[in-house]
């Protein structure tokens, strides 16, 4: 295995023992924003101005969308994650951790089972 990093210190490429190459994309200093294996895109992430993921595109699955509620300090207290079938998983977070609940059902669940 060999690991290659870009000038910002972010992982850029991994060459594994089976000669597969995993490449990571970077945008505006974020580490990483995409991943491709042997030239095939696996995922692409988009972030808001405070580096929280807002969308995650998974190859052959679709786009997951994230929305946040925050407290006065900017910490996320609630995260809604909508899958490509319009199912919503809600994470409610506090200083003790996060709890999850399904809050909306759309088409056949892709990931929230």
N, C-alpha and C. Protein backbone atom coordinates (compact mmCIF):
# COMPACT_ATOMS: atom_id res chain seq x y z
N UNK A 1 0.86 -1.17 0.00
CA UNK A 1 0.00 0.00 0.00
C UNK A 1 0.90 1.24 0.00
N UNK A 2 0.46 2.22 -0.75
CA UNK A 2 1.17 3.49 -0.69
C UNK A 2 0.13 4.61 -0.59
N UNK A 3 0.49 5.62 0.18
CA UNK A 3 -0.39 6.76 0.44
C UNK A 3 0.28 8.03 -0.07
N UNK A 4 -0.50 8.87 -0.74
CA UNK A 4 0.02 10.12 -1.27
C UNK A 4 -0.84 11.26 -0.73
N UNK A 5 -0.21 12.34 -0.31
CA UNK A 5 -0.90 13.49 0.28
C UNK A 5 -0.65 14.73 -0.57
N UNK A 6 -1.62 15.64 -0.56
CA UNK A 6 -1.44 16.88 -1.30
C UNK A 6 -0.68 17.90 -0.44
N UNK A 7 -0.47 19.08 -0.97
CA UNK A 7 0.32 20.10 -0.26
C UNK A 7 -0.37 20.62 1.00
N UNK A 8 -1.69 20.39 1.14
CA UNK A 8 -2.41 20.78 2.35
C UNK A 8 -2.37 19.70 3.42
N UNK A 9 -1.75 18.56 3.10
CA UNK A 9 -1.67 17.46 4.04
C UNK A 9 -2.87 16.53 3.99
N UNK A 10 -3.72 16.69 2.98
CA UNK A 10 -4.91 15.84 2.83
C UNK A 10 -4.55 14.60 2.01
N UNK A 11 -5.14 13.47 2.39
CA UNK A 11 -4.94 12.25 1.64
C UNK A 11 -5.45 12.46 0.22
N UNK A 12 -4.60 12.15 -0.76
CA UNK A 12 -4.92 12.42 -2.15
C UNK A 12 -5.14 11.12 -2.94
N UNK A 13 -4.35 10.09 -2.64
CA UNK A 13 -4.42 8.86 -3.41
C UNK A 13 -3.89 7.69 -2.59
N UNK A 14 -4.52 6.53 -2.77
CA UNK A 14 -4.06 5.30 -2.15
C UNK A 14 -3.94 4.25 -3.24
N UNK A 15 -2.78 3.62 -3.29
CA UNK A 15 -2.54 2.50 -4.19
C UNK A 15 -2.48 1.25 -3.32
N UNK A 16 -3.40 0.29 -3.55
CA UNK A 16 -3.42 -0.88 -2.68
C UNK A 16 -2.65 -2.04 -3.28
N UNK A 17 -2.55 -3.12 -2.51
CA UNK A 17 -1.76 -4.28 -2.91
C UNK A 17 -2.32 -4.96 -4.15
N UNK A 18 -3.61 -4.79 -4.43
CA UNK A 18 -4.23 -5.38 -5.62
C UNK A 18 -4.19 -4.44 -6.82
N UNK A 19 -3.42 -3.38 -6.73
CA UNK A 19 -3.22 -2.40 -7.80
C UNK A 19 -4.46 -1.58 -8.11
N UNK A 20 -5.33 -1.42 -7.12
CA UNK A 20 -6.47 -0.50 -7.25
C UNK A 20 -6.02 0.87 -6.77
N UNK A 21 -6.51 1.90 -7.43
CA UNK A 21 -6.15 3.26 -7.08
C UNK A 21 -7.40 4.00 -6.59
N UNK A 22 -7.34 4.49 -5.37
CA UNK A 22 -8.42 5.29 -4.80
C UNK A 22 -7.95 6.73 -4.77
N UNK A 23 -8.70 7.61 -5.42
CA UNK A 23 -8.35 9.03 -5.46
C UNK A 23 -9.39 9.83 -4.71
N UNK A 24 -8.92 10.83 -3.98
CA UNK A 24 -9.79 11.70 -3.20
C UNK A 24 -9.74 13.11 -3.78
N UNK A 25 -10.93 13.71 -3.95
CA UNK A 25 -11.01 15.08 -4.45
C UNK A 25 -11.07 16.04 -3.28
N UNK A 26 -10.59 17.26 -3.52
CA UNK A 26 -10.57 18.28 -2.48
C UNK A 26 -11.05 19.59 -3.08
N UNK A 27 -11.82 20.32 -2.30
CA UNK A 27 -12.35 21.60 -2.76
C UNK A 27 -12.25 22.60 -1.63
N UNK A 28 -11.68 23.74 -1.88
CA UNK A 28 -11.60 24.84 -0.90
C UNK A 28 -11.02 24.39 0.44
N UNK A 29 -10.00 23.54 0.37
CA UNK A 29 -9.32 23.13 1.59
C UNK A 29 -10.03 22.06 2.40
N UNK A 30 -11.17 21.57 1.91
CA UNK A 30 -11.89 20.52 2.64
C UNK A 30 -11.24 19.17 2.33
N UNK A 31 -11.20 18.31 3.32
CA UNK A 31 -10.58 17.00 3.15
C UNK A 31 -11.57 15.91 3.49
N UNK A 32 -11.85 14.99 2.66
CA UNK A 32 -11.96 15.09 1.21
C UNK A 32 -13.39 15.46 0.82
N UNK A 33 -13.60 15.75 -0.44
CA UNK A 33 -14.94 16.07 -0.93
C UNK A 33 -15.47 15.06 -1.94
N UNK A 34 -14.62 14.10 -2.35
CA UNK A 34 -15.07 13.05 -3.25
C UNK A 34 -14.10 11.89 -3.20
N UNK A 35 -14.58 10.73 -3.70
CA UNK A 35 -13.73 9.55 -3.76
C UNK A 35 -14.07 8.76 -5.01
N UNK A 36 -13.03 8.33 -5.73
CA UNK A 36 -13.19 7.47 -6.90
C UNK A 36 -12.22 6.30 -6.77
N UNK A 37 -12.68 5.13 -7.18
CA UNK A 37 -11.83 3.95 -7.18
C UNK A 37 -11.66 3.49 -8.61
N UNK A 38 -10.42 3.39 -9.03
CA UNK A 38 -10.08 2.99 -10.40
C UNK A 38 -10.84 3.82 -11.43
N UNK A 39 -10.99 5.10 -11.16
CA UNK A 39 -11.63 6.02 -12.09
C UNK A 39 -13.14 6.07 -12.01
N UNK A 40 -13.76 5.28 -11.15
CA UNK A 40 -15.22 5.26 -11.00
C UNK A 40 -15.61 6.03 -9.74
N UNK A 41 -16.39 7.08 -9.90
CA UNK A 41 -16.81 7.91 -8.78
C UNK A 41 -17.65 7.08 -7.81
N UNK A 42 -17.32 7.17 -6.52
CA UNK A 42 -18.05 6.46 -5.48
C UNK A 42 -18.96 7.41 -4.73
N UNK A 43 -18.43 8.58 -4.36
CA UNK A 43 -19.24 9.58 -3.66
C UNK A 43 -18.66 10.97 -3.85
N UNK A 44 -19.57 11.97 -3.71
CA UNK A 44 -19.22 13.39 -3.74
C UNK A 44 -19.98 14.05 -2.60
N UNK A 45 -19.29 14.85 -1.81
CA UNK A 45 -19.91 15.55 -0.68
C UNK A 45 -19.86 17.06 -0.91
N UNK A 46 -20.92 17.74 -0.45
CA UNK A 46 -20.96 19.21 -0.46
C UNK A 46 -21.12 19.68 0.98
N UNK A 47 -20.52 20.81 1.29
CA UNK A 47 -20.48 21.30 2.66
C UNK A 47 -21.00 22.73 2.75
N UNK A 48 -21.47 23.12 3.95
CA UNK A 48 -21.85 24.51 4.16
C UNK A 48 -20.62 25.31 4.62
N UNK A 49 -20.82 26.58 4.93
CA UNK A 49 -19.69 27.46 5.24
C UNK A 49 -18.98 27.11 6.54
N UNK A 50 -19.59 26.26 7.37
CA UNK A 50 -18.92 25.84 8.61
C UNK A 50 -18.55 24.35 8.55
N UNK A 51 -18.39 23.84 7.34
CA UNK A 51 -17.88 22.49 7.07
C UNK A 51 -18.80 21.36 7.50
N UNK A 52 -20.11 21.60 7.56
CA UNK A 52 -21.06 20.51 7.79
C UNK A 52 -21.51 20.00 6.43
N UNK A 53 -21.61 18.69 6.30
CA UNK A 53 -22.06 18.10 5.03
C UNK A 53 -23.52 18.49 4.79
N UNK A 54 -23.83 18.94 3.59
CA UNK A 54 -25.20 19.30 3.22
C UNK A 54 -25.79 18.32 2.22
N UNK A 55 -24.94 17.72 1.39
CA UNK A 55 -25.38 16.72 0.42
C UNK A 55 -24.30 15.67 0.28
N UNK A 56 -24.73 14.44 0.13
CA UNK A 56 -23.81 13.33 -0.13
C UNK A 56 -24.39 12.54 -1.29
N UNK A 57 -23.71 12.59 -2.43
CA UNK A 57 -24.13 11.85 -3.62
C UNK A 57 -23.39 10.51 -3.63
N UNK A 58 -24.15 9.42 -3.57
CA UNK A 58 -23.56 8.08 -3.62
C UNK A 58 -23.85 7.47 -4.99
N UNK A 59 -22.80 7.01 -5.63
CA UNK A 59 -22.96 6.40 -6.96
C UNK A 59 -23.95 5.26 -6.88
N UNK A 60 -24.80 5.16 -7.86
CA UNK A 60 -25.78 4.09 -8.00
C UNK A 60 -26.85 4.08 -6.90
N UNK A 61 -26.88 5.11 -6.04
CA UNK A 61 -27.88 5.17 -4.97
C UNK A 61 -28.67 6.46 -5.06
N UNK A 62 -27.97 7.59 -5.08
CA UNK A 62 -28.64 8.89 -5.15
C UNK A 62 -28.07 9.85 -4.13
N UNK A 63 -28.82 10.92 -3.88
CA UNK A 63 -28.35 12.02 -3.03
C UNK A 63 -29.04 12.01 -1.68
N UNK A 64 -28.24 12.08 -0.65
CA UNK A 64 -28.72 12.26 0.72
C UNK A 64 -28.56 13.74 1.05
N UNK A 65 -29.59 14.35 1.66
CA UNK A 65 -29.56 15.77 2.00
C UNK A 65 -29.61 15.93 3.52
N UNK A 66 -28.79 16.83 4.03
CA UNK A 66 -28.66 17.06 5.46
C UNK A 66 -29.09 18.48 5.79
N UNK A 67 -29.90 18.64 6.84
CA UNK A 67 -30.24 19.98 7.33
C UNK A 67 -30.03 19.99 8.84
N UNK A 68 -29.68 21.17 9.36
CA UNK A 68 -29.23 21.29 10.75
C UNK A 68 -29.99 22.37 11.50
N UNK A 69 -30.23 22.13 12.78
CA UNK A 69 -30.62 23.16 13.73
C UNK A 69 -29.47 23.26 14.72
N UNK A 70 -29.13 24.47 15.10
CA UNK A 70 -27.97 24.65 15.97
C UNK A 70 -28.34 25.48 17.19
N UNK A 71 -27.55 25.32 18.25
CA UNK A 71 -27.75 26.13 19.45
C UNK A 71 -26.98 27.44 19.30
N UNK A 72 -27.06 28.35 20.28
CA UNK A 72 -26.38 29.64 20.15
C UNK A 72 -24.86 29.54 19.95
N UNK A 73 -24.27 28.44 20.39
CA UNK A 73 -22.82 28.28 20.20
C UNK A 73 -22.48 27.72 18.82
N UNK A 74 -23.50 27.34 18.05
CA UNK A 74 -23.27 26.79 16.72
C UNK A 74 -23.23 25.27 16.68
N UNK A 75 -23.38 24.61 17.82
CA UNK A 75 -23.37 23.15 17.85
C UNK A 75 -24.70 22.61 17.33
N UNK A 76 -24.62 21.57 16.52
CA UNK A 76 -25.83 20.96 15.97
C UNK A 76 -26.62 20.28 17.08
N UNK A 77 -27.90 20.61 17.17
CA UNK A 77 -28.79 19.99 18.15
C UNK A 77 -29.78 19.05 17.47
N UNK A 78 -29.96 19.24 16.17
CA UNK A 78 -30.88 18.42 15.41
C UNK A 78 -30.35 18.31 13.98
N UNK A 79 -30.32 17.11 13.47
CA UNK A 79 -29.88 16.88 12.09
C UNK A 79 -30.93 16.02 11.41
N UNK A 80 -31.49 16.50 10.30
CA UNK A 80 -32.40 15.71 9.48
C UNK A 80 -31.64 15.24 8.25
N UNK A 81 -31.73 13.94 7.99
CA UNK A 81 -31.07 13.35 6.84
C UNK A 81 -32.15 12.74 5.96
N UNK A 82 -32.28 13.26 4.74
CA UNK A 82 -33.29 12.76 3.79
C UNK A 82 -32.59 11.90 2.75
N UNK A 83 -33.06 10.66 2.61
CA UNK A 83 -32.46 9.76 1.63
C UNK A 83 -33.11 9.97 0.26
N UNK A 84 -32.60 9.31 -0.79
CA UNK A 84 -33.15 9.50 -2.13
C UNK A 84 -34.62 9.09 -2.27
N UNK A 85 -35.15 8.29 -1.34
CA UNK A 85 -36.55 7.90 -1.37
C UNK A 85 -37.43 8.80 -0.53
N UNK A 86 -36.91 9.93 -0.06
CA UNK A 86 -37.61 10.93 0.76
C UNK A 86 -37.94 10.44 2.17
N UNK A 87 -37.21 9.42 2.65
CA UNK A 87 -37.30 9.02 4.04
C UNK A 87 -36.42 9.97 4.84
N UNK A 88 -36.85 10.31 6.05
CA UNK A 88 -36.06 11.24 6.87
C UNK A 88 -35.69 10.57 8.18
N UNK A 89 -34.43 10.63 8.49
CA UNK A 89 -33.91 10.18 9.77
C UNK A 89 -33.51 11.43 10.54
N UNK A 90 -33.99 11.57 11.76
CA UNK A 90 -33.67 12.74 12.58
C UNK A 90 -32.74 12.32 13.70
N UNK A 91 -31.64 13.06 13.82
CA UNK A 91 -30.72 12.89 14.94
C UNK A 91 -30.91 14.06 15.87
N UNK A 92 -31.22 13.79 17.13
CA UNK A 92 -31.33 14.82 18.14
C UNK A 92 -30.10 14.69 19.03
N UNK A 93 -29.33 15.77 19.13
CA UNK A 93 -28.04 15.70 19.82
C UNK A 93 -27.98 16.66 20.99
N UNK A 94 -27.29 16.23 22.03
CA UNK A 94 -26.97 17.09 23.17
C UNK A 94 -25.59 16.68 23.67
N UNK A 95 -25.18 17.21 24.81
CA UNK A 95 -23.82 16.95 25.29
C UNK A 95 -23.60 15.49 25.65
N UNK A 96 -24.66 14.71 25.78
CA UNK A 96 -24.55 13.29 26.12
C UNK A 96 -24.49 12.38 24.89
N UNK A 97 -24.79 12.92 23.72
CA UNK A 97 -24.75 12.12 22.51
C UNK A 97 -25.94 12.40 21.61
N UNK A 98 -26.20 11.48 20.68
CA UNK A 98 -27.29 11.66 19.71
C UNK A 98 -28.24 10.48 19.77
N UNK A 99 -29.51 10.77 19.53
CA UNK A 99 -30.56 9.76 19.42
C UNK A 99 -31.16 9.88 18.02
N UNK A 100 -31.59 8.76 17.48
CA UNK A 100 -32.17 8.81 16.14
C UNK A 100 -33.62 8.37 16.18
N UNK A 101 -34.38 8.92 15.22
CA UNK A 101 -35.77 8.51 15.03
C UNK A 101 -36.14 8.75 13.58
N UNK A 102 -37.00 7.92 13.07
CA UNK A 102 -37.52 8.08 11.72
C UNK A 102 -38.70 9.04 11.80
N UNK A 103 -38.68 10.12 11.02
CA UNK A 103 -39.74 11.12 11.13
C UNK A 103 -40.61 11.23 9.89
N UNK A 104 -40.17 10.69 8.79
CA UNK A 104 -41.00 10.74 7.57
C UNK A 104 -40.66 9.54 6.71
N UNK A 105 -41.66 8.94 6.14
CA UNK A 105 -41.44 7.83 5.23
C UNK A 105 -41.86 8.24 3.83
N UNK A 106 -40.99 7.96 2.89
CA UNK A 106 -41.29 8.24 1.50
C UNK A 106 -41.40 6.94 0.75
N UNK A 107 -40.61 6.80 -0.30
CA UNK A 107 -40.59 5.58 -1.08
C UNK A 107 -39.85 4.48 -0.31
N UNK A 108 -39.67 3.36 -0.94
CA UNK A 108 -38.99 2.25 -0.28
C UNK A 108 -37.67 2.73 0.32
N UNK A 109 -37.45 2.45 1.60
CA UNK A 109 -36.21 2.91 2.24
C UNK A 109 -34.98 2.34 1.57
N UNK A 110 -34.01 3.20 1.34
CA UNK A 110 -32.76 2.76 0.76
C UNK A 110 -31.72 2.48 1.83
N UNK A 111 -31.76 3.24 2.91
CA UNK A 111 -30.71 3.08 3.90
C UNK A 111 -31.23 3.07 5.33
N UNK A 112 -32.37 3.65 5.59
CA UNK A 112 -32.83 3.81 6.96
C UNK A 112 -33.72 2.64 7.34
N UNK A 113 -33.15 1.56 7.66
CA UNK A 113 -33.92 0.35 8.02
C UNK A 113 -33.77 0.06 9.49
